[in-house]
Amino acid sequence: MKIESIQALIVGGWLLGLGAIGLSVNLTSAAGWSLLVGLGLLPPVIMLRMWKQPEQTISESIREAIRK
């Protein structure tokens, strides 16, 4: 699985869980929802910014060289 797909799955799951928590706590005010969204989006944004693509392995380099 590609790193981008894994990141998208984690962020999607996080946001889905966040929405479920918001509905289960019965948030009705706009301030409550904005606080939940503001604090809830912070971890995925940090993850997307800091999670780097792993370096290419030797076997991947060899395969790439053979294909060219």
Protein backbone atom coordinates (compact mmCIF):
# COMPACT_ATOMS: atom_id res chain seq x y z
CA MET A 1 0.00 0.00 0.00
CA LYS A 2 1.29 3.45 -0.85
CA ILE A 3 2.05 5.96 1.88
CA GLU A 4 -0.51 8.40 0.44
CA SER A 5 -3.25 5.76 0.68
CA ILE A 6 -2.34 4.94 4.27
CA GLN A 7 -2.35 8.61 5.19
CA ALA A 8 -5.75 9.13 3.57
CA LEU A 9 -7.18 6.11 5.41
CA ILE A 10 -5.86 7.34 8.77
CA VAL A 11 -7.15 10.88 8.24
CA GLY A 12 -10.52 9.60 7.00
CA GLY A 13 -10.88 7.29 9.98
CA TRP A 14 -9.88 10.07 12.36
CA LEU A 15 -12.46 12.46 10.88
CA LEU A 16 -15.16 9.78 10.85
CA GLY A 17 -14.47 9.02 14.51
CA LEU A 18 -14.46 12.72 15.30
CA GLY A 19 -17.87 13.14 13.66
CA ALA A 20 -19.22 10.15 15.59
CA ILE A 21 -17.97 11.64 18.85
CA GLY A 22 -19.55 14.99 17.97
CA LEU A 23 -22.90 13.33 17.26
CA SER A 24 -22.79 11.07 20.31
CA VAL A 25 -22.07 13.97 22.67
CA ASN A 26 -24.99 15.81 21.09
CA LEU A 27 -23.17 19.03 20.25
CA THR A 28 -25.72 21.66 19.32
CA SER A 29 -23.85 24.94 19.48
CA ALA A 30 -21.69 26.34 16.72
CA ALA A 31 -18.96 27.05 19.26
CA GLY A 32 -18.88 23.40 20.32
CA TRP A 33 -18.64 22.17 16.74
CA SER A 34 -15.96 24.72 15.86
CA LEU A 35 -13.93 23.70 18.91
CA LEU A 36 -14.31 20.03 18.00
CA VAL A 37 -13.30 20.68 14.38
CA GLY A 38 -10.44 22.98 15.34
CA LEU A 39 -8.91 20.57 17.83
CA GLY A 40 -9.81 17.53 15.78
CA LEU A 41 -8.10 18.67 12.59
CA LEU A 42 -4.84 19.52 14.32
CA PRO A 43 -3.47 15.92 14.63
CA PRO A 44 -4.17 14.97 10.97
CA VAL A 45 -2.61 18.18 9.70
CA ILE A 46 0.50 17.59 11.81
CA MET A 47 0.67 13.98 10.63
CA LEU A 48 0.39 14.93 6.96
CA ARG A 49 3.09 17.57 7.34
CA MET A 50 5.58 15.48 9.28
CA TRP A 51 5.13 12.00 7.77
CA LYS A 52 7.78 11.76 5.10
CA GLN A 53 8.11 9.27 2.26
CA PRO A 54 10.56 6.52 3.26
CA GLU A 55 13.87 6.47 1.44
CA GLN A 56 14.26 4.21 -1.55
CA THR A 57 15.69 0.78 -0.77
CA ILE A 58 18.58 -0.75 -2.69
CA SER A 59 16.31 -3.26 -4.42
CA GLU A 60 13.96 -0.46 -5.52
CA SER A 61 16.94 1.44 -6.92
CA ILE A 62 18.08 -1.63 -8.85
CA ARG A 63 14.59 -2.24 -10.25
CA GLU A 64 14.33 1.39 -11.31
CA ALA A 65 17.73 1.21 -13.04
CA ILE A 66 16.75 -1.98 -14.89
CA ARG A 67 13.50 -0.43 -16.15
CA LYS A 68 15.30 2.56 -17.70
